[in-house]
N, C-alpha and C. Protein backbone atom coordinates (compact mmCIF):
# COMPACT_ATOMS: atom_id res chain seq x y z
N MET A 1 6.30 5.99 -92.74
CA MET A 1 5.03 6.19 -92.07
C MET A 1 4.33 7.39 -92.69
N PHE A 2 3.74 7.25 -93.83
CA PHE A 2 2.96 8.26 -94.53
C PHE A 2 3.77 9.50 -94.87
N GLY A 3 5.08 9.40 -94.93
CA GLY A 3 5.92 10.53 -95.27
C GLY A 3 6.02 11.56 -94.16
N ILE A 4 5.65 11.20 -92.94
CA ILE A 4 5.73 12.13 -91.82
C ILE A 4 6.99 11.82 -91.02
N GLY A 5 7.82 12.81 -90.87
CA GLY A 5 9.04 12.63 -90.10
C GLY A 5 8.81 12.85 -88.62
N PHE A 6 9.86 12.66 -87.85
CA PHE A 6 9.75 12.81 -86.39
C PHE A 6 9.38 14.23 -86.00
N SER A 7 9.98 15.21 -86.66
CA SER A 7 9.70 16.61 -86.29
C SER A 7 8.26 16.99 -86.60
N GLU A 8 7.72 16.53 -87.73
CA GLU A 8 6.33 16.82 -88.06
C GLU A 8 5.38 16.16 -87.07
N LEU A 9 5.69 14.92 -86.70
CA LEU A 9 4.87 14.21 -85.73
C LEU A 9 4.89 14.91 -84.37
N LEU A 10 6.03 15.41 -83.98
CA LEU A 10 6.16 16.14 -82.72
C LEU A 10 5.33 17.42 -82.75
N VAL A 11 5.34 18.13 -83.85
CA VAL A 11 4.55 19.35 -83.98
C VAL A 11 3.06 19.03 -83.90
N ILE A 12 2.62 17.97 -84.56
CA ILE A 12 1.21 17.57 -84.51
C ILE A 12 0.80 17.22 -83.09
N LEU A 13 1.64 16.49 -82.37
CA LEU A 13 1.33 16.13 -80.99
C LEU A 13 1.27 17.36 -80.09
N LEU A 14 2.15 18.31 -80.29
CA LEU A 14 2.12 19.54 -79.49
C LEU A 14 0.87 20.35 -79.77
N VAL A 15 0.45 20.43 -81.01
CA VAL A 15 -0.77 21.15 -81.36
C VAL A 15 -1.98 20.48 -80.72
N CYS A 16 -2.03 19.16 -80.76
CA CYS A 16 -3.12 18.42 -80.11
C CYS A 16 -3.12 18.68 -78.61
N LEU A 17 -1.95 18.72 -78.02
CA LEU A 17 -1.85 18.98 -76.59
C LEU A 17 -2.37 20.38 -76.25
N LEU A 18 -2.05 21.35 -77.09
CA LEU A 18 -2.53 22.71 -76.85
C LEU A 18 -4.03 22.83 -77.07
N LEU A 19 -4.56 22.14 -78.07
CA LEU A 19 -5.98 22.24 -78.38
C LEU A 19 -6.86 21.54 -77.35
N PHE A 20 -6.48 20.34 -76.97
CA PHE A 20 -7.36 19.52 -76.14
C PHE A 20 -6.95 19.49 -74.67
N GLY A 21 -5.72 19.77 -74.36
CA GLY A 21 -5.26 19.71 -72.98
C GLY A 21 -4.80 18.32 -72.61
N ALA A 22 -3.95 18.25 -71.60
CA ALA A 22 -3.37 16.97 -71.22
C ALA A 22 -4.39 16.03 -70.61
N SER A 23 -5.42 16.56 -69.98
CA SER A 23 -6.40 15.69 -69.32
C SER A 23 -7.32 14.98 -70.30
N ARG A 24 -7.57 15.58 -71.47
CA ARG A 24 -8.50 14.98 -72.42
C ARG A 24 -7.83 14.09 -73.45
N LEU A 25 -6.52 14.17 -73.61
CA LEU A 25 -5.84 13.37 -74.63
C LEU A 25 -6.01 11.87 -74.43
N PRO A 26 -5.88 11.31 -73.22
CA PRO A 26 -6.11 9.86 -73.08
C PRO A 26 -7.55 9.46 -73.41
N GLU A 27 -8.49 10.32 -73.05
CA GLU A 27 -9.90 10.06 -73.35
C GLU A 27 -10.14 10.05 -74.86
N ILE A 28 -9.55 10.98 -75.56
CA ILE A 28 -9.70 11.06 -77.01
C ILE A 28 -9.04 9.85 -77.67
N GLY A 29 -7.86 9.48 -77.20
CA GLY A 29 -7.17 8.31 -77.74
C GLY A 29 -7.97 7.03 -77.55
N LYS A 30 -8.57 6.89 -76.38
CA LYS A 30 -9.38 5.71 -76.09
C LYS A 30 -10.59 5.64 -77.01
N SER A 31 -11.29 6.75 -77.17
CA SER A 31 -12.48 6.74 -78.02
C SER A 31 -12.11 6.53 -79.49
N LEU A 32 -10.98 7.06 -79.90
CA LEU A 32 -10.52 6.85 -81.27
C LEU A 32 -10.17 5.39 -81.51
N GLY A 33 -9.50 4.77 -80.55
CA GLY A 33 -9.16 3.35 -80.65
C GLY A 33 -10.40 2.47 -80.69
N GLU A 34 -11.40 2.79 -79.87
CA GLU A 34 -12.64 2.02 -79.87
C GLU A 34 -13.37 2.17 -81.21
N GLY A 35 -13.35 3.37 -81.76
CA GLY A 35 -13.98 3.60 -83.05
C GLY A 35 -13.32 2.80 -84.17
N ILE A 36 -12.00 2.77 -84.16
CA ILE A 36 -11.27 2.00 -85.17
C ILE A 36 -11.55 0.52 -85.01
N ARG A 37 -11.60 0.05 -83.76
CA ARG A 37 -11.88 -1.36 -83.48
C ARG A 37 -13.27 -1.75 -83.98
N GLU A 38 -14.27 -0.89 -83.74
CA GLU A 38 -15.63 -1.17 -84.20
C GLU A 38 -15.70 -1.15 -85.73
N PHE A 39 -14.96 -0.23 -86.35
CA PHE A 39 -14.94 -0.15 -87.80
C PHE A 39 -14.37 -1.43 -88.40
N LYS A 40 -13.26 -1.91 -87.85
CA LYS A 40 -12.66 -3.15 -88.35
C LYS A 40 -13.60 -4.33 -88.14
N LYS A 41 -14.28 -4.35 -87.00
CA LYS A 41 -15.22 -5.43 -86.70
C LYS A 41 -16.37 -5.43 -87.70
N SER A 42 -16.89 -4.26 -88.03
CA SER A 42 -18.00 -4.19 -88.99
C SER A 42 -17.54 -4.57 -90.39
N ILE A 43 -16.31 -4.22 -90.75
CA ILE A 43 -15.78 -4.60 -92.06
C ILE A 43 -15.67 -6.12 -92.16
N LYS A 44 -15.17 -6.76 -91.10
CA LYS A 44 -15.05 -8.21 -91.11
C LYS A 44 -16.41 -8.88 -91.18
N GLU A 45 -17.40 -8.33 -90.46
CA GLU A 45 -18.74 -8.90 -90.47
C GLU A 45 -19.39 -8.74 -91.84
N SER A 46 -19.21 -7.58 -92.46
CA SER A 46 -19.83 -7.35 -93.76
C SER A 46 -19.17 -8.19 -94.85
N SER A 47 -17.87 -8.43 -94.75
CA SER A 47 -17.22 -9.28 -95.74
C SER A 47 -17.64 -10.73 -95.55
N GLY A 48 -17.91 -11.13 -94.34
CA GLY A 48 -18.41 -12.48 -94.08
C GLY A 48 -19.82 -12.66 -94.61
N ASP A 49 -20.64 -11.61 -94.52
CA ASP A 49 -22.01 -11.66 -95.03
C ASP A 49 -22.03 -11.72 -96.55
N SER A 50 -21.11 -11.02 -97.20
CA SER A 50 -21.11 -10.99 -98.66
C SER A 50 -20.61 -12.31 -99.25
N GLN A 51 -19.86 -13.09 -98.50
CA GLN A 51 -19.35 -14.35 -99.02
C GLN A 51 -20.40 -15.44 -98.97
N SER A 52 -21.30 -15.41 -98.00
CA SER A 52 -22.28 -16.49 -97.87
C SER A 52 -23.26 -16.55 -99.04
N PRO A 53 -23.76 -15.45 -99.62
CA PRO A 53 -24.64 -15.59 -100.79
C PRO A 53 -23.93 -16.17 -102.00
N LYS A 54 -22.65 -15.88 -102.17
CA LYS A 54 -21.90 -16.45 -103.28
C LYS A 54 -21.84 -17.96 -103.16
N GLU A 55 -21.65 -18.44 -101.95
CA GLU A 55 -21.59 -19.88 -101.73
C GLU A 55 -22.95 -20.52 -102.01
N ASP A 56 -24.03 -19.83 -101.65
CA ASP A 56 -25.37 -20.36 -101.90
C ASP A 56 -25.65 -20.46 -103.40
N LYS A 57 -25.19 -19.49 -104.18
CA LYS A 57 -25.42 -19.51 -105.62
C LYS A 57 -24.67 -20.67 -106.28
N LYS A 58 -23.49 -20.97 -105.77
CA LYS A 58 -22.71 -22.07 -106.34
C LYS A 58 -23.37 -23.42 -106.08
N SER A 59 -24.04 -23.56 -104.94
CA SER A 59 -24.65 -24.85 -104.61
C SER A 59 -25.93 -25.10 -105.40
N ASN A 60 -26.56 -24.06 -105.95
CA ASN A 60 -27.81 -24.22 -106.71
C ASN A 60 -27.56 -24.70 -108.07
């Protein structure tokens, strides 16, 4: 997993807990997940848009 061991991951999580607090961590995780989901959705839509002109050129 990106060369990160368990101890490094634990340190990162503890730092996040200290910086943001326990009450904001679920909120941050939710917004991060939504952002990733929207990014993937836009990538899929843009790849679908780029394929349709290629198909049109082949039919001409």
